[in-house]
C-alpha atoms as a PDB file:
ATOM      1  CA  MET A   1     110.859 -51.907 295.965  1.00  0.00           C
ATOM      2  CA  LYS A   2     108.333 -51.014 298.652  1.00  0.00           C
ATOM      3  CA  ARG A   3     109.669 -48.207 300.836  1.00  0.00           C
ATOM      4  CA  GLY A   4     108.469 -47.076 304.213  1.00  0.00           C
ATOM      5  CA  THR A   5     107.243 -43.487 304.561  1.00  0.00           C
ATOM      6  CA  ALA A   6     107.306 -43.076 308.343  1.00  0.00           C
ATOM      7  CA  THR A   7     110.225 -40.743 309.077  1.00  0.00           C
ATOM      8  CA  ALA A   8     108.990 -38.702 312.018  1.00  0.00           C
ATOM      9  CA  PRO A   9     110.810 -39.056 315.351  1.00  0.00           C
ATOM     10  CA  GLY A  10     109.561 -42.035 317.347  1.00  0.00           C
ATOM     11  CA  THR A  11     108.036 -43.815 314.333  1.00  0.00           C
ATOM     12  CA  ARG A  12     109.184 -47.058 312.801  1.00  0.00           C
ATOM     13  CA  GLY A  13     109.598 -47.537 309.042  1.00  0.00           C
ATOM     14  CA  GLU A  14     110.361 -50.608 306.963  1.00  0.00           C
ATOM     15  CA  ASN A  15     111.363 -51.484 303.410  1.00  0.00           C
ATOM     16  CA  GLU A  16     110.711 -54.681 301.465  1.00  0.00           C
ATOM     17  CA  GLU A  17     110.687 -56.150 297.971  1.00  0.00           C
ATOM     18  CA  ILE A  18     107.825 -57.335 295.801  1.00  0.00           C
ATOM     19  CA  VAL A  19     109.235 -59.503 293.013  1.00  0.00           C
ATOM     20  CA  ILE A  20     107.288 -60.905 290.051  1.00  0.00           C
ATOM     21  CA  THR A  21     109.659 -62.993 287.960  1.00  0.00           C
ATOM     22  CA  GLU A  22     110.607 -66.423 286.683  1.00  0.00           C
ATOM     23  CA  LEU A  23     112.579 -68.405 289.256  1.00  0.00           C
ATOM     24  CA  GLY A  24     112.573 -71.924 287.834  1.00  0.00           C
ATOM     25  CA  GLN A  25     114.041 -71.853 284.352  1.00  0.00           C
ATOM     26  CA  VAL A  26     116.366 -68.851 284.321  1.00  0.00           C
ATOM     27  CA  GLY A  27     120.049 -68.176 284.984  1.00  0.00           C
ATOM     28  CA  THR A  28     122.095 -70.923 286.587  1.00  0.00           C
ATOM     29  CA  GLN A  29     119.290 -73.398 287.035  1.00  0.00           C
ATOM     30  CA  LEU A  30     118.313 -76.848 288.190  1.00  0.00           C
ATOM     31  CA  ASP A  31     115.939 -78.789 285.966  1.00  0.00           C
ATOM     32  CA  GLY A  32     113.349 -80.662 288.025  1.00  0.00           C
ATOM     33  CA  PHE A  33     111.314 -83.650 286.917  1.00  0.00           C
ATOM     34  CA  ALA A  34     108.178 -81.608 286.226  1.00  0.00           C
ATOM     35  CA  HIS A  35     110.117 -79.678 283.571  1.00  0.00           C
ATOM     36  CA  GLN A  36     109.797 -82.208 280.757  1.00  0.00           C
ATOM     37  CA  MET A  37     107.344 -84.780 279.451  1.00  0.00           C
ATOM     38  CA  TYR A  38     107.404 -87.028 276.413  1.00  0.00           C
ATOM     39  CA  GLY A  39     104.371 -88.625 274.851  1.00  0.00           C
ATOM     40  CA  GLY A  40     102.204 -87.305 277.667  1.00  0.00           C
ATOM     41  CA  GLU A  41     104.301 -88.868 280.438  1.00  0.00           C
ATOM     42  CA  TYR A  42     106.708 -87.538 283.040  1.00  0.00           C
ATOM     43  CA  TYR A  43     109.319 -89.305 285.169  1.00  0.00           C
ATOM     44  CA  ASN A  44     108.165 -92.509 286.862  1.00  0.00           C
ATOM     45  CA  CYS A  45     105.393 -92.954 284.260  1.00  0.00           C
ATOM     46  CA  ILE A  46     103.303 -90.146 285.734  1.00  0.00           C
ATOM     47  CA  LYS A  47     100.724 -89.140 283.145  1.00  0.00           C
ATOM     48  CA  ASP A  48      99.904 -85.587 282.146  1.00  0.00           C
ATOM     49  CA  GLU A  49      96.368 -85.812 283.495  1.00  0.00           C
ATOM     50  CA  GLU A  50      97.814 -86.582 286.947  1.00  0.00           C
ATOM     51  CA  MET A  51      99.856 -83.385 286.728  1.00  0.00           C
ATOM     52  CA  ASN A  52      96.715 -81.380 286.011  1.00  0.00           C
ATOM     53  CA  ALA A  53      94.597 -82.872 288.768  1.00  0.00           C
ATOM     54  CA  GLY A  54      93.431 -79.440 289.886  1.00  0.00           C
ATOM     55  CA  GLY A  55      91.512 -78.975 286.641  1.00  0.00           C
ATOM     56  CA  GLY A  56      90.948 -75.757 284.792  1.00  0.00           C
ATOM     57  CA  GLY A  57      93.688 -76.043 282.214  1.00  0.00           C
ATOM     58  CA  GLU A  58      97.127 -74.536 281.939  1.00  0.00           C
ATOM     59  CA  LEU A  59      96.693 -71.386 284.017  1.00  0.00           C
ATOM     60  CA  ALA A  60      94.784 -72.999 286.869  1.00  0.00           C
ATOM     61  CA  ALA A  61      96.911 -76.129 287.269  1.00  0.00           C
ATOM     62  CA  GLY A  62     100.509 -75.787 286.106  1.00  0.00           C
ATOM     63  CA  GLY A  63     100.583 -72.064 285.525  1.00  0.00           C
ATOM     64  CA  ARG A  64      99.374 -70.783 288.904  1.00  0.00           C
ATOM     65  CA  GLN A  65      99.142 -73.539 291.465  1.00  0.00           C
ATOM     66  CA  GLY A  66     102.174 -75.560 290.474  1.00  0.00           C
ATOM     67  CA  PHE A  67     102.198 -79.237 289.659  1.00  0.00           C
ATOM     68  CA  PRO A  68     100.803 -81.693 292.243  1.00  0.00           C
ATOM     69  CA  LYS A  69     103.634 -84.183 291.686  1.00  0.00           C
ATOM     70  CA  LEU A  70     107.389 -83.965 290.991  1.00  0.00           C
ATOM     71  CA  GLY A  71     107.663 -80.366 292.222  1.00  0.00           C
ATOM     72  CA  VAL A  72     111.142 -78.997 292.842  1.00  0.00           C
ATOM     73  CA  GLU A  73     110.329 -78.625 296.551  1.00  0.00           C
ATOM     74  CA  HIS A  74     111.090 -82.344 296.834  1.00  0.00           C
ATOM     75  CA  VAL A  75     114.697 -81.911 295.681  1.00  0.00           C
ATOM     76  CA  PRO A  76     116.875 -82.296 298.779  1.00  0.00           C
ATOM     77  CA  ASP A  77     119.824 -80.121 299.663  1.00  0.00           C
ATOM     78  CA  MET A  78     122.855 -81.601 297.935  1.00  0.00           C
ATOM     79  CA  MET A  79     126.380 -82.107 299.251  1.00  0.00           C
ATOM     80  CA  THR A  80     128.444 -84.625 297.352  1.00  0.00           C
ATOM     81  CA  ARG A  81     131.678 -85.065 295.450  1.00  0.00           C
ATOM     82  CA  GLY A  82     131.904 -82.706 292.508  1.00  0.00           C
ATOM     83  CA  VAL A  83     133.870 -83.813 289.459  1.00  0.00           C
ATOM     84  CA  LEU A  84     134.825 -81.343 286.736  1.00  0.00           C
ATOM     85  CA  ILE A  85     135.344 -82.968 283.331  1.00  0.00           C
ATOM     86  CA  ASP A  86     137.279 -80.397 281.321  1.00  0.00           C
ATOM     87  CA  VAL A  87     136.608 -81.325 277.700  1.00  0.00           C
ATOM     88  CA  ALA A  88     137.739 -77.912 276.444  1.00  0.00           C
ATOM     89  CA  GLY A  89     141.024 -78.453 278.287  1.00  0.00           C
ATOM     90  CA  LEU A  90     141.365 -81.913 276.780  1.00  0.00           C
ATOM     91  CA  LYS A  91     141.034 -80.420 273.306  1.00  0.00           C
ATOM     92  CA  ASN A  92     143.366 -77.525 274.253  1.00  0.00           C
ATOM     93  CA  VAL A  93     140.826 -74.883 273.172  1.00  0.00           C
ATOM     94  CA  GLU A  94     139.180 -71.904 274.879  1.00  0.00           C
ATOM     95  CA  THR A  95     135.752 -73.102 273.771  1.00  0.00           C
ATOM     96  CA  LEU A  96     134.540 -76.153 271.912  1.00  0.00           C
ATOM     97  CA  PRO A  97     133.147 -75.410 268.435  1.00  0.00           C
ATOM     98  CA  GLU A  98     129.457 -74.641 268.303  1.00  0.00           C
ATOM     99  CA  THR A  99     127.356 -77.779 267.845  1.00  0.00           C
ATOM    100  CA  TYR A 100     130.334 -79.963 268.868  1.00  0.00           C
ATOM    101  CA  VAL A 101     129.037 -83.334 270.042  1.00  0.00           C
ATOM    102  CA  VAL A 102     130.807 -84.387 273.250  1.00  0.00           C
ATOM    103  CA  THR A 103     131.262 -88.162 273.112  1.00  0.00           C
ATOM    104  CA  ALA A 104     131.690 -90.792 275.784  1.00  0.00           C
ATOM    105  CA  GLU A 105     135.303 -91.103 274.636  1.00  0.00           C
ATOM    106  CA  ASP A 106     135.838 -87.378 275.226  1.00  0.00           C
ATOM    107  CA  LEU A 107     134.586 -87.731 278.795  1.00  0.00           C
ATOM    108  CA  GLN A 108     136.680 -90.828 279.457  1.00  0.00           C
ATOM    109  CA  GLN A 109     139.846 -89.279 278.027  1.00  0.00           C
ATOM    110  CA  ALA A 110     139.378 -86.071 280.014  1.00  0.00           C
ATOM    111  CA  LEU A 111     138.893 -88.066 283.212  1.00  0.00           C
ATOM    112  CA  ALA A 112     141.988 -90.126 282.461  1.00  0.00           C
ATOM    113  CA  LYS A 113     143.987 -86.922 281.966  1.00  0.00           C
ATOM    114  CA  GLU A 114     142.687 -85.684 285.340  1.00  0.00           C
ATOM    115  CA  LYS A 115     143.464 -89.077 286.936  1.00  0.00           C
ATOM    116  CA  LEU A 116     139.875 -89.442 288.146  1.00  0.00           C
ATOM    117  CA  THR A 117     137.050 -91.914 287.773  1.00  0.00           C
ATOM    118  CA  LEU A 118     133.379 -91.246 288.396  1.00  0.00           C
ATOM    119  CA  GLN A 119     131.613 -92.713 291.408  1.00  0.00           C
ATOM    120  CA  ALA A 120     127.931 -93.246 292.108  1.00  0.00           C
ATOM    121  CA  GLY A 121     126.316 -90.099 293.476  1.00  0.00           C
ATOM    122  CA  ASP A 122     128.778 -87.638 291.951  1.00  0.00           C
ATOM    123  CA  ALA A 123     127.837 -84.167 290.751  1.00  0.00           C
ATOM    124  CA  VAL A 124     129.339 -84.158 287.253  1.00  0.00           C
ATOM    125  CA  MET A 125     130.234 -80.781 285.727  1.00  0.00           C
ATOM    126  CA  ILE A 126     131.353 -80.674 282.093  1.00  0.00           C
ATOM    127  CA  ASN A 127     133.400 -77.697 280.923  1.00  0.00           C
ATOM    128  CA  THR A 128     132.952 -76.850 277.243  1.00  0.00           C
ATOM    129  CA  GLY A 129     134.264 -73.293 277.497  1.00  0.00           C
ATOM    130  CA  TRP A 130     130.966 -72.038 276.063  1.00  0.00           C
ATOM    131  CA  GLY A 131     130.207 -70.287 279.343  1.00  0.00           C
ATOM    132  CA  LYS A 132     132.658 -67.547 278.372  1.00  0.00           C
ATOM    133  CA  LEU A 133     129.938 -66.310 276.009  1.00  0.00           C
ATOM    134  CA  TYR A 134     127.366 -65.983 278.797  1.00  0.00           C
ATOM    135  CA  ASN A 135     127.371 -62.192 278.809  1.00  0.00           C
ATOM    136  CA  GLU A 136     125.396 -59.280 277.383  1.00  0.00           C
ATOM    137  CA  LYS A 137     127.635 -58.900 274.312  1.00  0.00           C
ATOM    138  CA  ASP A 138     127.595 -62.542 273.213  1.00  0.00           C
ATOM    139  CA  LYS A 139     124.213 -63.709 274.515  1.00  0.00           C
ATOM    140  CA  ALA A 140     122.695 -64.174 271.032  1.00  0.00           C
ATOM    141  CA  ARG A 141     125.512 -66.520 270.023  1.00  0.00           C
ATOM    142  CA  TYR A 142     125.418 -68.258 273.395  1.00  0.00           C
ATOM    143  CA  LEU A 143     121.759 -69.155 273.013  1.00  0.00           C
ATOM    144  CA  LYS A 144     121.604 -69.853 269.265  1.00  0.00           C
ATOM    145  CA  THR A 145     123.692 -73.040 269.236  1.00  0.00           C
ATOM    146  CA  THR A 146     125.733 -74.894 271.835  1.00  0.00           C
ATOM    147  CA  PRO A 147     128.255 -77.690 272.101  1.00  0.00           C
ATOM    148  CA  GLY A 148     127.155 -80.404 274.482  1.00  0.00           C
ATOM    149  CA  ILE A 149     126.867 -84.078 275.222  1.00  0.00           C
ATOM    150  CA  GLY A 150     125.448 -86.438 272.649  1.00  0.00           C
ATOM    151  CA  ILE A 151     123.339 -89.523 273.212  1.00  0.00           C
ATOM    152  CA  GLY A 152     126.354 -91.830 273.529  1.00  0.00           C
ATOM    153  CA  ALA A 153     127.889 -89.623 276.229  1.00  0.00           C
ATOM    154  CA  GLY A 154     124.520 -89.375 277.954  1.00  0.00           C
ATOM    155  CA  GLU A 155     124.095 -93.143 278.039  1.00  0.00           C
ATOM    156  CA  TRP A 156     127.621 -93.577 279.426  1.00  0.00           C
ATOM    157  CA  LEU A 157     127.019 -90.966 282.132  1.00  0.00           C
ATOM    158  CA  ILE A 158     123.770 -92.619 283.196  1.00  0.00           C
ATOM    159  CA  LYS A 159     125.646 -95.885 283.714  1.00  0.00           C
ATOM    160  CA  GLN A 160     127.925 -94.092 286.200  1.00  0.00           C
ATOM    161  CA  ASN A 161     124.858 -93.299 288.359  1.00  0.00           C
ATOM    162  CA  PRO A 162     125.452 -89.572 288.975  1.00  0.00           C
ATOM    163  CA  MET A 163     123.372 -87.459 291.332  1.00  0.00           C
ATOM    164  CA  ILE A 164     123.316 -84.563 288.891  1.00  0.00           C
ATOM    165  CA  VAL A 165     124.970 -83.521 285.615  1.00  0.00           C
ATOM    166  CA  GLY A 166     125.624 -79.958 284.513  1.00  0.00           C
ATOM    167  CA  THR A 167     127.513 -77.879 281.980  1.00  0.00           C
ATOM    168  CA  ASP A 168     128.432 -74.283 281.203  1.00  0.00           C
ATOM    169  CA  THR A 169     125.783 -74.155 278.462  1.00  0.00           C
ATOM    170  CA  CYS A 170     122.083 -73.411 278.367  1.00  0.00           C
ATOM    171  CA  CYS A 171     120.947 -76.969 277.717  1.00  0.00           C
ATOM    172  CA  VAL A 172     123.698 -79.495 278.686  1.00  0.00           C
ATOM    173  CA  GLU A 173     123.238 -81.237 275.338  1.00  0.00           C
ATOM    174  CA  VAL A 174     124.358 -80.235 271.866  1.00  0.00           C
ATOM    175  CA  ARG A 175     121.970 -77.984 269.934  1.00  0.00           C
ATOM    176  CA  PRO A 176     120.850 -78.521 267.271  1.00  0.00           C
ATOM    177  CA  TYR A 177     121.330 -82.259 267.538  1.00  0.00           C
ATOM    178  CA  PRO A 178     122.735 -83.930 264.385  1.00  0.00           C
ATOM    179  CA  GLU A 179     120.064 -85.888 262.536  1.00  0.00           C
ATOM    180  CA  GLN A 180     117.637 -84.888 265.283  1.00  0.00           C
ATOM    181  CA  LYS A 181     114.573 -87.116 265.603  1.00  0.00           C
ATOM    182  CA  ILE A 182     113.242 -85.783 268.909  1.00  0.00           C
ATOM    183  CA  ASN A 183     113.772 -82.422 270.543  1.00  0.00           C
ATOM    184  CA  LEU A 184     116.323 -82.334 273.393  1.00  0.00           C
ATOM    185  CA  PRO A 185     116.881 -86.111 273.684  1.00  0.00           C
ATOM    186  CA  ILE A 186     119.255 -85.756 276.670  1.00  0.00           C
ATOM    187  CA  HIS A 187     116.560 -83.938 278.633  1.00  0.00           C
ATOM    188  CA  ALA A 188     114.192 -86.818 277.908  1.00  0.00           C
ATOM    189  CA  MET A 189     116.808 -89.422 278.832  1.00  0.00           C
ATOM    190  CA  PHE A 190     117.867 -87.830 282.128  1.00  0.00           C
ATOM    191  CA  LEU A 191     114.721 -86.170 283.458  1.00  0.00           C
ATOM    192  CA  ILE A 192     111.991 -88.482 282.188  1.00  0.00           C
ATOM    193  CA  VAL A 193     113.526 -91.934 281.820  1.00  0.00           C
ATOM    194  CA  TYR A 194     116.239 -92.120 284.504  1.00  0.00           C
ATOM    195  CA  GLY A 195     115.435 -89.374 287.007  1.00  0.00           C
ATOM    196  CA  VAL A 196     118.752 -87.513 286.982  1.00  0.00           C
ATOM    197  CA  HIS A 197     118.655 -83.764 287.461  1.00  0.00           C
ATOM    198  CA  LEU A 198     120.371 -81.369 285.044  1.00  0.00           C
ATOM    199  CA  LEU A 199     122.222 -78.132 285.808  1.00  0.00           C
ATOM    200  CA  GLU A 200     122.510 -75.407 283.172  1.00  0.00           C
ATOM    201  CA  ASN A 201     124.518 -72.190 282.747  1.00  0.00           C
ATOM    202  CA  LEU A 202     127.232 -73.121 285.235  1.00  0.00           C
ATOM    203  CA  LYS A 203     130.286 -70.891 285.643  1.00  0.00           C
ATOM    204  CA  LEU A 204     133.187 -73.322 285.289  1.00  0.00           C
ATOM    205  CA  GLU A 205     136.117 -71.372 283.835  1.00  0.00           C
ATOM    206  CA  GLN A 206     137.647 -70.603 287.239  1.00  0.00           C
ATOM    207  CA  LEU A 207     137.495 -74.238 288.313  1.00  0.00           C
ATOM    208  CA  ALA A 208     139.083 -75.295 285.021  1.00  0.00           C
ATOM    209  CA  ALA A 209     141.828 -72.669 285.280  1.00  0.00           C
ATOM    210  CA  ALA A 210     142.637 -73.853 288.818  1.00  0.00           C
ATOM    211  CA  HIS A 211     142.568 -77.524 287.735  1.00  0.00           C
ATOM    212  CA  ALA A 212     140.021 -78.037 290.508  1.00  0.00           C
ATOM    213  CA  TYR A 213     138.775 -81.332 289.121  1.00  0.00           C
ATOM    214  CA  GLU A 214     137.629 -82.839 292.434  1.00  0.00           C
ATOM    215  CA  THR A 215     135.701 -80.723 294.943  1.00  0.00           C
ATOM    216  CA  ALA A 216     132.939 -80.741 297.512  1.00  0.00           C
ATOM    217  CA  PHE A 217     129.776 -79.772 295.638  1.00  0.00           C
ATOM    218  CA  ILE A 218     127.075 -77.956 297.628  1.00  0.00           C
ATOM    219  CA  MET A 219     123.708 -76.791 296.319  1.00  0.00           C
ATOM    220  CA  GLU A 220     120.262 -75.931 297.653  1.00  0.00           C
ATOM    221  CA  ALA A 221     117.236 -75.518 295.401  1.00  0.00           C
ATOM    222  CA  LEU A 222     114.471 -73.041 296.139  1.00  0.00           C
ATOM    223  CA  LYS A 223     111.479 -74.879 297.610  1.00  0.00           C
ATOM    224  CA  ILE A 224     109.017 -73.686 294.968  1.00  0.00           C
ATOM    225  CA  ARG A 225     105.896 -75.752 295.545  1.00  0.00           C
ATOM    226  CA  GLY A 226     105.014 -77.567 292.338  1.00  0.00           C
ATOM    227  CA  GLY A 227     107.891 -75.853 290.516  1.00  0.00           C
ATOM    228  CA  THR A 228     109.573 -77.188 287.382  1.00  0.00           C
ATOM    229  CA  GLY A 229     113.034 -76.090 288.474  1.00  0.00           C
ATOM    230  CA  SER A 230     114.969 -73.553 290.487  1.00  0.00           C
ATOM    231  CA  THR A 231     117.476 -70.797 290.124  1.00  0.00           C
ATOM    232  CA  VAL A 232     120.498 -72.017 292.094  1.00  0.00           C
ATOM    233  CA  ALA A 233     123.923 -70.846 293.215  1.00  0.00           C
ATOM    234  CA  PRO A 234     125.982 -74.033 293.579  1.00  0.00           C
ATOM    235  CA  ILE A 235     129.470 -73.839 295.024  1.00  0.00           C
ATOM    236  CA  SER A 236     132.513 -76.087 294.823  1.00  0.00           C
ATOM    237  CA  VAL A 237     134.922 -76.208 297.767  1.00  0.00           C
ATOM    238  CA  ARG A 238     138.432 -77.579 297.546  1.00  0.00           C
END
């Protein structure tokens, strides 16, 4: 905190903040398309060398100046239909077991129970109950393993053409993935192959408790030039 020191009569003082922190991949966050690459390629077949066009290596290009393509500043403000898929409610549990793989059938059954179907452009929010552990006491357990969607559920969601998909976990997908062959396959599928943003660490227990399955979803990302993501504060209005 920078504080003004002018306190004499007839003088003007001012206070302001100087913040040095991570703003892209922390807290409730939006994953942008510059966040992930696989085999040296990003979304839309953009190659790693194109993302380092400024030269000078990690600190000069990505680390300080931001990425020249796919920066989070290009993410528009979002206002769309929000759909809560309460998988924990479907299973009648407070939280899904750690490393539980959410299947396409789980999503379809939960939607049927809620009497909803997904539409193109929806913001899909999946409640696992794991968000209840997002606190100082339980943070180690929250981050160590998580329930989340598996590949089958991811493929089904992509076919529904959502605008964005999020959960009340740190990674959206199950961790560790059973018989894992690549790290974070859902991130690769959504961010690199199909261009669908992910939302992590959502607070969904109040929506689930209120049975607020269909809402107006509103979110604005920080316009961080060349950023890989953004801290966000999405809201759902019913």
